């Protein structure tokens, strides 16, 4: 309810090894279908 997002990853496989990034994309209108393309995202974290 605040501003935190989570990704629960189960049954992990070795192929999942990578750096994972959180991104934020501004939608216009707010109910639009989000893009799955990284270039469309406006902000990024440093990765984990």
ModelCIF file with pLDDT and N, C-alpha, C, O atoms, coordinates in Angstrom:
data_MODEL
#
_entry.id   MODEL 
#
_entity.id                         1 
_entity.type                       polymer 
_entity.pdbx_number_of_molecules   1 
#
_entity_poly.entity_id                      1 
_entity_poly.type                           'polypeptide(L)' 
_entity_poly.nstd_linkage                   no 
_entity_poly.nstd_monomer                   no 
_entity_poly.pdbx_seq_one_letter_code       
;(UNK)(UNK)(UNK)(UNK)(UNK)(UNK)(UNK)(UNK)(UNK)(UNK)(UNK)(UNK)(UNK)(UNK)(UNK)(UNK)
(UNK)(UNK)(UNK)(UNK)(UNK)(UNK)(UNK)(UNK)(UNK)(UNK)(UNK)(UNK)(UNK)(UNK)(UNK)(UNK)
(UNK)(UNK)(UNK)(UNK)(UNK)(UNK)(UNK)(UNK)(UNK)(UNK)(UNK)(UNK)(UNK)(UNK)(UNK)(UNK)
;
_entity_poly.pdbx_seq_one_letter_code_can   XXXXXXXXXXXXXXXXXXXXXXXXXXXXXXXXXXXXXXXXXXXXXXXX 
_entity_poly.pdbx_strand_id                 A 
#
loop_
_entity_poly_seq.entity_id 
_entity_poly_seq.num 
_entity_poly_seq.mon_id 
_entity_poly_seq.hetero 
1 1  UNK n 
1 2  UNK n 
1 3  UNK n 
1 4  UNK n 
1 5  UNK n 
1 6  UNK n 
1 7  UNK n 
1 8  UNK n 
1 9  UNK n 
1 10 UNK n 
1 11 UNK n 
1 12 UNK n 
1 13 UNK n 
1 14 UNK n 
1 15 UNK n 
1 16 UNK n 
1 17 UNK n 
1 18 UNK n 
1 19 UNK n 
1 20 UNK n 
1 21 UNK n 
1 22 UNK n 
1 23 UNK n 
1 24 UNK n 
1 25 UNK n 
1 26 UNK n 
1 27 UNK n 
1 28 UNK n 
1 29 UNK n 
1 30 UNK n 
1 31 UNK n 
1 32 UNK n 
1 33 UNK n 
1 34 UNK n 
1 35 UNK n 
1 36 UNK n 
1 37 UNK n 
1 38 UNK n 
1 39 UNK n 
1 40 UNK n 
1 41 UNK n 
1 42 UNK n 
1 43 UNK n 
1 44 UNK n 
1 45 UNK n 
1 46 UNK n 
1 47 UNK n 
1 48 UNK n 
#
_struct_asym.id          A 
_struct_asym.entity_id   1 
#
loop_
_ma_qa_metric.id 
_ma_qa_metric.mode 
_ma_qa_metric.name 
_ma_qa_metric.software_group_id 
_ma_qa_metric.type 
1 global pLDDT . pLDDT 
2 local  pLDDT . pLDDT 
#
_ma_qa_metric_global.metric_id      1 
_ma_qa_metric_global.metric_value   93.08 
_ma_qa_metric_global.model_id       1 
_ma_qa_metric_global.ordinal_id     1 
#
loop_
_ma_qa_metric_local.label_asym_id 
_ma_qa_metric_local.label_comp_id 
_ma_qa_metric_local.label_seq_id 
_ma_qa_metric_local.metric_id 
_ma_qa_metric_local.metric_value 
_ma_qa_metric_local.model_id 
_ma_qa_metric_local.ordinal_id 
A UNK 1  2 78.00 1 1  
A UNK 2  2 81.00 1 2  
A UNK 3  2 87.00 1 3  
A UNK 4  2 93.00 1 4  
A UNK 5  2 95.00 1 5  
A UNK 6  2 98.00 1 6  
A UNK 7  2 98.00 1 7  
A UNK 8  2 98.00 1 8  
A UNK 9  2 98.00 1 9  
A UNK 10 2 98.00 1 10 
A UNK 11 2 97.00 1 11 
A UNK 12 2 97.00 1 12 
A UNK 13 2 95.00 1 13 
A UNK 14 2 96.00 1 14 
A UNK 15 2 94.00 1 15 
A UNK 16 2 96.00 1 16 
A UNK 17 2 96.00 1 17 
A UNK 18 2 97.00 1 18 
A UNK 19 2 98.00 1 19 
A UNK 20 2 98.00 1 20 
A UNK 21 2 98.00 1 21 
A UNK 22 2 97.00 1 22 
A UNK 23 2 96.00 1 23 
A UNK 24 2 94.00 1 24 
A UNK 25 2 92.00 1 25 
A UNK 26 2 90.00 1 26 
A UNK 27 2 87.00 1 27 
A UNK 28 2 85.00 1 28 
A UNK 29 2 87.00 1 29 
A UNK 30 2 82.00 1 30 
A UNK 31 2 85.00 1 31 
A UNK 32 2 88.00 1 32 
A UNK 33 2 88.00 1 33 
A UNK 34 2 89.00 1 34 
A UNK 35 2 89.00 1 35 
A UNK 36 2 92.00 1 36 
A UNK 37 2 94.00 1 37 
A UNK 38 2 94.00 1 38 
A UNK 39 2 95.00 1 39 
A UNK 40 2 93.00 1 40 
A UNK 41 2 94.00 1 41 
A UNK 42 2 92.00 1 42 
A UNK 43 2 94.00 1 43 
A UNK 44 2 96.00 1 44 
A UNK 45 2 97.00 1 45 
A UNK 46 2 97.00 1 46 
A UNK 47 2 97.00 1 47 
A UNK 48 2 98.00 1 48 
#
loop_
_atom_site.group_PDB 
_atom_site.id 
_atom_site.type_symbol 
_atom_site.label_atom_id 
_atom_site.label_alt_id 
_atom_site.label_comp_id 
_atom_site.label_asym_id 
_atom_site.label_entity_id 
_atom_site.label_seq_id 
_atom_site.pdbx_PDB_ins_code 
_atom_site.Cartn_x 
_atom_site.Cartn_y 
_atom_site.Cartn_z 
_atom_site.occupancy 
_atom_site.B_iso_or_equiv 
_atom_site.pdbx_formal_charge 
_atom_site.auth_seq_id 
_atom_site.auth_comp_id 
_atom_site.auth_asym_id 
_atom_site.auth_atom_id 
_atom_site.pdbx_PDB_model_num 
ATOM 1   N N  . UNK A 1 1  ? 0.792  -1.221  0.000   1.00 78.00 ? 1  UNK A N  1 
ATOM 2   C CA . UNK A 1 1  ? 0.000  0.000   0.000   1.00 78.00 ? 1  UNK A CA 1 
ATOM 3   C C  . UNK A 1 1  ? 0.821  1.265   0.000   1.00 78.00 ? 1  UNK A C  1 
ATOM 4   O O  . UNK A 1 1  ? 0.272  2.368   -0.003  1.00 78.00 ? 1  UNK A O  1 
ATOM 5   N N  . UNK A 1 2  ? 2.119  1.119   0.003   1.00 81.00 ? 2  UNK A N  1 
ATOM 6   C CA . UNK A 1 2  ? 2.989  2.303   0.046   1.00 81.00 ? 2  UNK A CA 1 
ATOM 7   C C  . UNK A 1 2  ? 3.597  2.463   -1.345  1.00 81.00 ? 2  UNK A C  1 
ATOM 8   O O  . UNK A 1 2  ? 2.894  2.866   -2.271  1.00 81.00 ? 2  UNK A O  1 
ATOM 9   N N  . UNK A 1 3  ? 4.844  2.168   -1.510  1.00 87.00 ? 3  UNK A N  1 
ATOM 10  C CA . UNK A 1 3  ? 5.495  2.299   -2.813  1.00 87.00 ? 3  UNK A CA 1 
ATOM 11  C C  . UNK A 1 3  ? 6.496  1.186   -3.043  1.00 87.00 ? 3  UNK A C  1 
ATOM 12  O O  . UNK A 1 3  ? 7.511  1.392   -3.709  1.00 87.00 ? 3  UNK A O  1 
ATOM 13  N N  . UNK A 1 4  ? 6.223  0.011   -2.501  1.00 93.00 ? 4  UNK A N  1 
ATOM 14  C CA . UNK A 1 4  ? 7.149  -1.100  -2.644  1.00 93.00 ? 4  UNK A CA 1 
ATOM 15  C C  . UNK A 1 4  ? 6.584  -2.157  -3.575  1.00 93.00 ? 4  UNK A C  1 
ATOM 16  O O  . UNK A 1 4  ? 5.393  -2.467  -3.541  1.00 93.00 ? 4  UNK A O  1 
ATOM 17  N N  . UNK A 1 5  ? 7.454  -2.700  -4.401  1.00 95.00 ? 5  UNK A N  1 
ATOM 18  C CA . UNK A 1 5  ? 7.088  -3.750  -5.338  1.00 95.00 ? 5  UNK A CA 1 
ATOM 19  C C  . UNK A 1 5  ? 7.949  -4.961  -5.050  1.00 95.00 ? 5  UNK A C  1 
ATOM 20  O O  . UNK A 1 5  ? 9.115  -4.836  -4.676  1.00 95.00 ? 5  UNK A O  1 
ATOM 21  N N  . UNK A 1 6  ? 7.359  -6.149  -5.230  1.00 98.00 ? 6  UNK A N  1 
ATOM 22  C CA . UNK A 1 6  ? 8.053  -7.381  -4.905  1.00 98.00 ? 6  UNK A CA 1 
ATOM 23  C C  . UNK A 1 6  ? 7.987  -8.353  -6.080  1.00 98.00 ? 6  UNK A C  1 
ATOM 24  O O  . UNK A 1 6  ? 7.044  -8.333  -6.872  1.00 98.00 ? 6  UNK A O  1 
ATOM 25  N N  . UNK A 1 7  ? 8.999  -9.196  -6.174  1.00 98.00 ? 7  UNK A N  1 
ATOM 26  C CA . UNK A 1 7  ? 8.992  -10.279 -7.150  1.00 98.00 ? 7  UNK A CA 1 
ATOM 27  C C  . UNK A 1 7  ? 9.352  -11.558 -6.413  1.00 98.00 ? 7  UNK A C  1 
ATOM 28  O O  . UNK A 1 7  ? 10.506 -11.767 -6.037  1.00 98.00 ? 7  UNK A O  1 
ATOM 29  N N  . UNK A 1 8  ? 8.360  -12.406 -6.211  1.00 98.00 ? 8  UNK A N  1 
ATOM 30  C CA . UNK A 1 8  ? 8.580  -13.703 -5.599  1.00 98.00 ? 8  UNK A CA 1 
ATOM 31  C C  . UNK A 1 8  ? 8.945  -14.679 -6.699  1.00 98.00 ? 8  UNK A C  1 
ATOM 32  O O  . UNK A 1 8  ? 8.174  -14.887 -7.636  1.00 98.00 ? 8  UNK A O  1 
ATOM 33  N N  . UNK A 1 9  ? 10.119 -15.276 -6.585  1.00 98.00 ? 9  UNK A N  1 
ATOM 34  C CA . UNK A 1 9  ? 10.615 -16.177 -7.622  1.00 98.00 ? 9  UNK A CA 1 
ATOM 35  C C  . UNK A 1 9  ? 10.744 -17.575 -7.024  1.00 98.00 ? 9  UNK A C  1 
ATOM 36  O O  . UNK A 1 9  ? 11.548 -17.797 -6.119  1.00 98.00 ? 9  UNK A O  1 
ATOM 37  N N  . UNK A 1 10 ? 9.963  -18.501 -7.524  1.00 98.00 ? 10 UNK A N  1 
ATOM 38  C CA . UNK A 1 10 ? 9.972  -19.886 -7.054  1.00 98.00 ? 10 UNK A CA 1 
ATOM 39  C C  . UNK A 1 10 ? 10.473 -20.819 -8.138  1.00 98.00 ? 10 UNK A C  1 
ATOM 40  O O  . UNK A 1 10 ? 10.501 -20.465 -9.317  1.00 98.00 ? 10 UNK A O  1 
ATOM 41  N N  . UNK A 1 11 ? 10.866 -22.009 -7.731  1.00 97.00 ? 11 UNK A N  1 
ATOM 42  C CA . UNK A 1 11 ? 11.341 -23.025 -8.674  1.00 97.00 ? 11 UNK A CA 1 
ATOM 43  C C  . UNK A 1 11 ? 12.395 -22.446 -9.604  1.00 97.00 ? 11 UNK A C  1 
ATOM 44  O O  . UNK A 1 11 ? 12.317 -22.588 -10.825 1.00 97.00 ? 11 UNK A O  1 
ATOM 45  N N  . UNK A 1 12 ? 13.369 -21.798 -9.013  1.00 97.00 ? 12 UNK A N  1 
ATOM 46  C CA . UNK A 1 12 ? 14.375 -21.121 -9.816  1.00 97.00 ? 12 UNK A CA 1 
ATOM 47  C C  . UNK A 1 12 ? 15.269 -22.106 -10.559 1.00 97.00 ? 12 UNK A C  1 
ATOM 48  O O  . UNK A 1 12 ? 15.601 -23.180 -10.059 1.00 97.00 ? 12 UNK A O  1 
ATOM 49  N N  . UNK A 1 13 ? 15.643 -21.706 -11.756 1.00 95.00 ? 13 UNK A N  1 
ATOM 50  C CA . UNK A 1 13 ? 16.507 -22.519 -12.599 1.00 95.00 ? 13 UNK A CA 1 
ATOM 51  C C  . UNK A 1 13 ? 17.834 -21.785 -12.802 1.00 95.00 ? 13 UNK A C  1 
ATOM 52  O O  . UNK A 1 13 ? 17.872 -20.560 -12.696 1.00 95.00 ? 13 UNK A O  1 
ATOM 53  N N  . UNK A 1 14 ? 18.903 -22.490 -13.086 1.00 96.00 ? 14 UNK A N  1 
ATOM 54  C CA . UNK A 1 14 ? 20.194 -21.818 -13.334 1.00 96.00 ? 14 UNK A CA 1 
ATOM 55  C C  . UNK A 1 14 ? 20.116 -20.759 -14.433 1.00 96.00 ? 14 UNK A C  1 
ATOM 56  O O  . UNK A 1 14 ? 20.856 -19.776 -14.400 1.00 96.00 ? 14 UNK A O  1 
ATOM 57  N N  . UNK A 1 15 ? 19.223 -20.954 -15.404 1.00 94.00 ? 15 UNK A N  1 
ATOM 58  C CA . UNK A 1 15 ? 19.085 -19.978 -16.488 1.00 94.00 ? 15 UNK A CA 1 
ATOM 59  C C  . UNK A 1 15 ? 18.551 -18.638 -15.994 1.00 94.00 ? 15 UNK A C  1 
ATOM 60  O O  . UNK A 1 15 ? 18.607 -17.648 -16.724 1.00 94.00 ? 15 UNK A O  1 
ATOM 61  N N  . UNK A 1 16 ? 18.042 -18.589 -14.783 1.00 96.00 ? 16 UNK A N  1 
ATOM 62  C CA . UNK A 1 16 ? 17.535 -17.329 -14.225 1.00 96.00 ? 16 UNK A CA 1 
ATOM 63  C C  . UNK A 1 16 ? 18.653 -16.444 -13.688 1.00 96.00 ? 16 UNK A C  1 
ATOM 64  O O  . UNK A 1 16 ? 18.400 -15.315 -13.267 1.00 96.00 ? 16 UNK A O  1 
ATOM 65  N N  . UNK A 1 17 ? 19.868 -16.938 -13.698 1.00 96.00 ? 17 UNK A N  1 
ATOM 66  C CA . UNK A 1 17 ? 20.999 -16.156 -13.210 1.00 96.00 ? 17 UNK A CA 1 
ATOM 67  C C  . UNK A 1 17 ? 21.193 -14.910 -14.061 1.00 96.00 ? 17 UNK A C  1 
ATOM 68  O O  . UNK A 1 17 ? 21.388 -14.994 -15.273 1.00 96.00 ? 17 UNK A O  1 
ATOM 69  N N  . UNK A 1 18 ? 21.136 -13.737 -13.399 1.00 97.00 ? 18 UNK A N  1 
ATOM 70  C CA . UNK A 1 18 ? 21.224 -12.465 -14.091 1.00 97.00 ? 18 UNK A CA 1 
ATOM 71  C C  . UNK A 1 18 ? 21.200 -11.348 -13.056 1.00 97.00 ? 18 UNK A C  1 
ATOM 72  O O  . UNK A 1 18 ? 21.038 -11.590 -11.860 1.00 97.00 ? 18 UNK A O  1 
ATOM 73  N N  . UNK A 1 19 ? 21.363 -10.130 -13.538 1.00 98.00 ? 19 UNK A N  1 
ATOM 74  C CA . UNK A 1 19 ? 21.086 -8.971  -12.697 1.00 98.00 ? 19 UNK A CA 1 
ATOM 75  C C  . UNK A 1 19 ? 19.631 -8.553  -12.962 1.00 98.00 ? 19 UNK A C  1 
ATOM 76  O O  . UNK A 1 19 ? 19.213 -8.419  -14.112 1.00 98.00 ? 19 UNK A O  1 
ATOM 77  N N  . UNK A 1 20 ? 18.884 -8.353  -11.897 1.00 98.00 ? 20 UNK A N  1 
ATOM 78  C CA . UNK A 1 20 ? 17.467 -7.997  -12.007 1.00 98.00 ? 20 UNK A CA 1 
ATOM 79  C C  . UNK A 1 20 ? 17.283 -6.529  -11.648 1.00 98.00 ? 20 UNK A C  1 
ATOM 80  O O  . UNK A 1 20 ? 17.802 -6.040  -10.645 1.00 98.00 ? 20 UNK A O  1 
ATOM 81  N N  . UNK A 1 21 ? 16.528 -5.844  -12.501 1.00 98.00 ? 21 UNK A N  1 
ATOM 82  C CA . UNK A 1 21 ? 16.306 -4.419  -12.335 1.00 98.00 ? 21 UNK A CA 1 
ATOM 83  C C  . UNK A 1 21 ? 14.825 -4.122  -12.150 1.00 98.00 ? 21 UNK A C  1 
ATOM 84  O O  . UNK A 1 21 ? 13.964 -4.750  -12.767 1.00 98.00 ? 21 UNK A O  1 
ATOM 85  N N  . UNK A 1 22 ? 14.556 -3.172  -11.306 1.00 97.00 ? 22 UNK A N  1 
ATOM 86  C CA . UNK A 1 22 ? 13.212 -2.637  -11.121 1.00 97.00 ? 22 UNK A CA 1 
ATOM 87  C C  . UNK A 1 22 ? 13.106 -1.352  -11.923 1.00 97.00 ? 22 UNK A C  1 
ATOM 88  O O  . UNK A 1 22 ? 14.003 -0.511  -11.875 1.00 97.00 ? 22 UNK A O  1 
ATOM 89  N N  . UNK A 1 23 ? 12.012 -1.198  -12.659 1.00 96.00 ? 23 UNK A N  1 
ATOM 90  C CA . UNK A 1 23 ? 11.811 -0.008  -13.460 1.00 96.00 ? 23 UNK A CA 1 
ATOM 91  C C  . UNK A 1 23 ? 10.421 0.562   -13.264 1.00 96.00 ? 23 UNK A C  1 
ATOM 92  O O  . UNK A 1 23 ? 9.497  -0.146  -12.864 1.00 96.00 ? 23 UNK A O  1 
ATOM 93  N N  . UNK A 1 24 ? 10.280 1.855   -13.551 1.00 94.00 ? 24 UNK A N  1 
ATOM 94  C CA . UNK A 1 24 ? 8.983  2.527   -13.450 1.00 94.00 ? 24 UNK A CA 1 
ATOM 95  C C  . UNK A 1 24 ? 8.670  3.195   -14.779 1.00 94.00 ? 24 UNK A C  1 
ATOM 96  O O  . UNK A 1 24 ? 9.511  3.867   -15.376 1.00 94.00 ? 24 UNK A O  1 
ATOM 97  N N  . UNK A 1 25 ? 7.442  2.992   -15.220 1.00 92.00 ? 25 UNK A N  1 
ATOM 98  C CA . UNK A 1 25 ? 6.986  3.547   -16.491 1.00 92.00 ? 25 UNK A CA 1 
ATOM 99  C C  . UNK A 1 25 ? 5.726  4.357   -16.240 1.00 92.00 ? 25 UNK A C  1 
ATOM 100 O O  . UNK A 1 25 ? 4.790  3.881   -15.598 1.00 92.00 ? 25 UNK A O  1 
ATOM 101 N N  . UNK A 1 26 ? 5.706  5.581   -16.747 1.00 90.00 ? 26 UNK A N  1 
ATOM 102 C CA . UNK A 1 26 ? 4.519  6.407   -16.606 1.00 90.00 ? 26 UNK A CA 1 
ATOM 103 C C  . UNK A 1 26 ? 3.532  6.050   -17.712 1.00 90.00 ? 26 UNK A C  1 
ATOM 104 O O  . UNK A 1 26 ? 3.877  6.084   -18.893 1.00 90.00 ? 26 UNK A O  1 
ATOM 105 N N  . UNK A 1 27 ? 2.302  5.706   -17.326 1.00 87.00 ? 27 UNK A N  1 
ATOM 106 C CA . UNK A 1 27 ? 1.297  5.319   -18.301 1.00 87.00 ? 27 UNK A CA 1 
ATOM 107 C C  . UNK A 1 27 ? 0.368  6.483   -18.632 1.00 87.00 ? 27 UNK A C  1 
ATOM 108 O O  . UNK A 1 27 ? -0.077 7.217   -17.749 1.00 87.00 ? 27 UNK A O  1 
ATOM 109 N N  . UNK A 1 28 ? 0.092  6.632   -19.910 1.00 85.00 ? 28 UNK A N  1 
ATOM 110 C CA . UNK A 1 28 ? -0.864 7.636   -20.332 1.00 85.00 ? 28 UNK A CA 1 
ATOM 111 C C  . UNK A 1 28 ? -1.732 7.046   -21.440 1.00 85.00 ? 28 UNK A C  1 
ATOM 112 O O  . UNK A 1 28 ? -1.243 6.795   -22.541 1.00 85.00 ? 28 UNK A O  1 
ATOM 113 N N  . UNK A 1 29 ? -3.024 6.822   -21.155 1.00 87.00 ? 29 UNK A N  1 
ATOM 114 C CA . UNK A 1 29 ? -3.738 7.031   -19.892 1.00 87.00 ? 29 UNK A CA 1 
ATOM 115 C C  . UNK A 1 29 ? -3.323 6.019   -18.835 1.00 87.00 ? 29 UNK A C  1 
ATOM 116 O O  . UNK A 1 29 ? -2.638 5.048   -19.158 1.00 87.00 ? 29 UNK A O  1 
ATOM 117 N N  . UNK A 1 30 ? -3.717 6.217   -17.584 1.00 82.00 ? 30 UNK A N  1 
ATOM 118 C CA . UNK A 1 30 ? -3.245 5.358   -16.484 1.00 82.00 ? 30 UNK A CA 1 
ATOM 119 C C  . UNK A 1 30 ? -3.674 3.907   -16.597 1.00 82.00 ? 30 UNK A C  1 
ATOM 120 O O  . UNK A 1 30 ? -3.077 3.038   -15.962 1.00 82.00 ? 30 UNK A O  1 
ATOM 121 N N  . UNK A 1 31 ? -4.704 3.625   -17.400 1.00 85.00 ? 31 UNK A N  1 
ATOM 122 C CA . UNK A 1 31 ? -5.174 2.257   -17.546 1.00 85.00 ? 31 UNK A CA 1 
ATOM 123 C C  . UNK A 1 31 ? -4.614 1.573   -18.795 1.00 85.00 ? 31 UNK A C  1 
ATOM 124 O O  . UNK A 1 31 ? -5.056 0.483   -19.160 1.00 85.00 ? 31 UNK A O  1 
ATOM 125 N N  . UNK A 1 32 ? -3.640 2.215   -19.449 1.00 88.00 ? 32 UNK A N  1 
ATOM 126 C CA . UNK A 1 32 ? -3.050 1.641   -20.657 1.00 88.00 ? 32 UNK A CA 1 
ATOM 127 C C  . UNK A 1 32 ? -2.305 0.348   -20.327 1.00 88.00 ? 32 UNK A C  1 
ATOM 128 O O  . UNK A 1 32 ? -1.893 0.132   -19.187 1.00 88.00 ? 32 UNK A O  1 
ATOM 129 N N  . UNK A 1 33 ? -2.139 -0.496  -21.323 1.00 88.00 ? 33 UNK A N  1 
ATOM 130 C CA . UNK A 1 33 ? -1.349 -1.707  -21.172 1.00 88.00 ? 33 UNK A CA 1 
ATOM 131 C C  . UNK A 1 33 ? 0.123  -1.323  -21.174 1.00 88.00 ? 33 UNK A C  1 
ATOM 132 O O  . UNK A 1 33 ? 0.582  -0.643  -22.092 1.00 88.00 ? 33 UNK A O  1 
ATOM 133 N N  . UNK A 1 34 ? 0.867  -1.748  -20.160 1.00 89.00 ? 34 UNK A N  1 
ATOM 134 C CA . UNK A 1 34 ? 2.268  -1.337  -20.086 1.00 89.00 ? 34 UNK A CA 1 
ATOM 135 C C  . UNK A 1 34 ? 3.121  -1.996  -21.158 1.00 89.00 ? 34 UNK A C  1 
ATOM 136 O O  . UNK A 1 34 ? 2.802  -3.069  -21.669 1.00 89.00 ? 34 UNK A O  1 
ATOM 137 N N  . UNK A 1 35 ? 4.200  -1.326  -21.477 1.00 89.00 ? 35 UNK A N  1 
ATOM 138 C CA . UNK A 1 35 ? 5.141  -1.865  -22.435 1.00 89.00 ? 35 UNK A CA 1 
ATOM 139 C C  . UNK A 1 35 ? 6.023  -2.924  -21.772 1.00 89.00 ? 35 UNK A C  1 
ATOM 140 O O  . UNK A 1 35 ? 6.278  -2.870  -20.569 1.00 89.00 ? 35 UNK A O  1 
ATOM 141 N N  . UNK A 1 36 ? 6.479  -3.872  -22.562 1.00 92.00 ? 36 UNK A N  1 
ATOM 142 C CA . UNK A 1 36 ? 7.435  -4.871  -22.078 1.00 92.00 ? 36 UNK A CA 1 
ATOM 143 C C  . UNK A 1 36 ? 8.826  -4.556  -22.604 1.00 92.00 ? 36 UNK A C  1 
ATOM 144 O O  . UNK A 1 36 ? 9.742  -5.371  -22.498 1.00 92.00 ? 36 UNK A O  1 
ATOM 145 N N  . UNK A 1 37 ? 8.972  -3.379  -23.164 1.00 94.00 ? 37 UNK A N  1 
ATOM 146 C CA . UNK A 1 37 ? 10.253 -2.946  -23.716 1.00 94.00 ? 37 UNK A CA 1 
ATOM 147 C C  . UNK A 1 37 ? 10.943 -2.027  -22.726 1.00 94.00 ? 37 UNK A C  1 
ATOM 148 O O  . UNK A 1 37 ? 10.345 -1.058  -22.256 1.00 94.00 ? 37 UNK A O  1 
ATOM 149 N N  . UNK A 1 38 ? 12.187 -2.319  -22.406 1.00 94.00 ? 38 UNK A N  1 
ATOM 150 C CA . UNK A 1 38 ? 12.891 -1.554  -21.378 1.00 94.00 ? 38 UNK A CA 1 
ATOM 151 C C  . UNK A 1 38 ? 13.039 -0.084  -21.748 1.00 94.00 ? 38 UNK A C  1 
ATOM 152 O O  . UNK A 1 38 ? 13.087 0.774   -20.867 1.00 94.00 ? 38 UNK A O  1 
ATOM 153 N N  . UNK A 1 39 ? 13.112 0.216   -23.047 1.00 95.00 ? 39 UNK A N  1 
ATOM 154 C CA . UNK A 1 39 ? 13.319 1.600   -23.459 1.00 95.00 ? 39 UNK A CA 1 
ATOM 155 C C  . UNK A 1 39 ? 12.128 2.491   -23.101 1.00 95.00 ? 39 UNK A C  1 
ATOM 156 O O  . UNK A 1 39 ? 12.263 3.713   -23.048 1.00 95.00 ? 39 UNK A O  1 
ATOM 157 N N  . UNK A 1 40 ? 10.978 1.892   -22.859 1.00 93.00 ? 40 UNK A N  1 
ATOM 158 C CA . UNK A 1 40 ? 9.780  2.658   -22.534 1.00 93.00 ? 40 UNK A CA 1 
ATOM 159 C C  . UNK A 1 40 ? 9.715  3.029   -21.058 1.00 93.00 ? 40 UNK A C  1 
ATOM 160 O O  . UNK A 1 40 ? 8.841  3.794   -20.652 1.00 93.00 ? 40 UNK A O  1 
ATOM 161 N N  . UNK A 1 41 ? 10.626 2.498   -20.253 1.00 94.00 ? 41 UNK A N  1 
ATOM 162 C CA . UNK A 1 41 ? 10.608 2.784   -18.828 1.00 94.00 ? 41 UNK A CA 1 
ATOM 163 C C  . UNK A 1 41 ? 11.414 4.038   -18.528 1.00 94.00 ? 41 UNK A C  1 
ATOM 164 O O  . UNK A 1 41 ? 12.448 4.298   -19.143 1.00 94.00 ? 41 UNK A O  1 
ATOM 165 N N  . UNK A 1 42 ? 10.913 4.809   -17.566 1.00 92.00 ? 42 UNK A N  1 
ATOM 166 C CA . UNK A 1 42 ? 11.478 6.128   -17.301 1.00 92.00 ? 42 UNK A CA 1 
ATOM 167 C C  . UNK A 1 42 ? 12.547 6.122   -16.220 1.00 92.00 ? 42 UNK A C  1 
ATOM 168 O O  . UNK A 1 42 ? 13.468 6.938   -16.255 1.00 92.00 ? 42 UNK A O  1 
ATOM 169 N N  . UNK A 1 43 ? 12.435 5.219   -15.269 1.00 94.00 ? 43 UNK A N  1 
ATOM 170 C CA . UNK A 1 43 ? 13.349 5.196   -14.126 1.00 94.00 ? 43 UNK A CA 1 
ATOM 171 C C  . UNK A 1 43 ? 13.792 3.762   -13.858 1.00 94.00 ? 43 UNK A C  1 
ATOM 172 O O  . UNK A 1 43 ? 13.063 2.802   -14.108 1.00 94.00 ? 43 UNK A O  1 
ATOM 173 N N  . UNK A 1 44 ? 15.019 3.651   -13.339 1.00 96.00 ? 44 UNK A N  1 
ATOM 174 C CA . UNK A 1 44 ? 15.584 2.335   -13.026 1.00 96.00 ? 44 UNK A CA 1 
ATOM 175 C C  . UNK A 1 44 ? 16.318 2.371   -11.692 1.00 96.00 ? 44 UNK A C  1 
ATOM 176 O O  . UNK A 1 44 ? 16.838 3.402   -11.266 1.00 96.00 ? 44 UNK A O  1 
ATOM 177 N N  . UNK A 1 45 ? 16.340 1.201   -11.048 1.00 97.00 ? 45 UNK A N  1 
ATOM 178 C CA . UNK A 1 45 ? 17.189 1.035   -9.886  1.00 97.00 ? 45 UNK A CA 1 
ATOM 179 C C  . UNK A 1 45 ? 18.578 0.589   -10.313 1.00 97.00 ? 45 UNK A C  1 
ATOM 180 O O  . UNK A 1 45 ? 18.886 0.528   -11.503 1.00 97.00 ? 45 UNK A O  1 
ATOM 181 N N  . UNK A 1 46 ? 19.406 0.280   -9.334  1.00 97.00 ? 46 UNK A N  1 
ATOM 182 C CA . UNK A 1 46 ? 20.790 -0.079  -9.613  1.00 97.00 ? 46 UNK A CA 1 
ATOM 183 C C  . UNK A 1 46 ? 20.953 -1.568  -9.919  1.00 97.00 ? 46 UNK A C  1 
ATOM 184 O O  . UNK A 1 46 ? 22.010 -1.987  -10.390 1.00 97.00 ? 46 UNK A O  1 
ATOM 185 N N  . UNK A 1 47 ? 19.931 -2.362  -9.661  1.00 97.00 ? 47 UNK A N  1 
ATOM 186 C CA . UNK A 1 47 ? 19.968 -3.788  -9.946  1.00 97.00 ? 47 UNK A CA 1 
ATOM 187 C C  . UNK A 1 47 ? 20.387 -4.612  -8.745  1.00 97.00 ? 47 UNK A C  1 
ATOM 188 O O  . UNK A 1 47 ? 21.075 -4.131  -7.844  1.00 97.00 ? 47 UNK A O  1 
ATOM 189 N N  . UNK A 1 48 ? 19.960 -5.856  -8.753  1.00 98.00 ? 48 UNK A N  1 
ATOM 190 C CA . UNK A 1 48 ? 20.357 -6.811  -7.725  1.00 98.00 ? 48 UNK A CA 1 
ATOM 191 C C  . UNK A 1 48 ? 20.659 -8.140  -8.415  1.00 98.00 ? 48 UNK A C  1 
ATOM 192 O O  . UNK A 1 48 ? 21.018 -9.113  -7.751  1.00 98.00 ? 48 UNK A O  1 
#
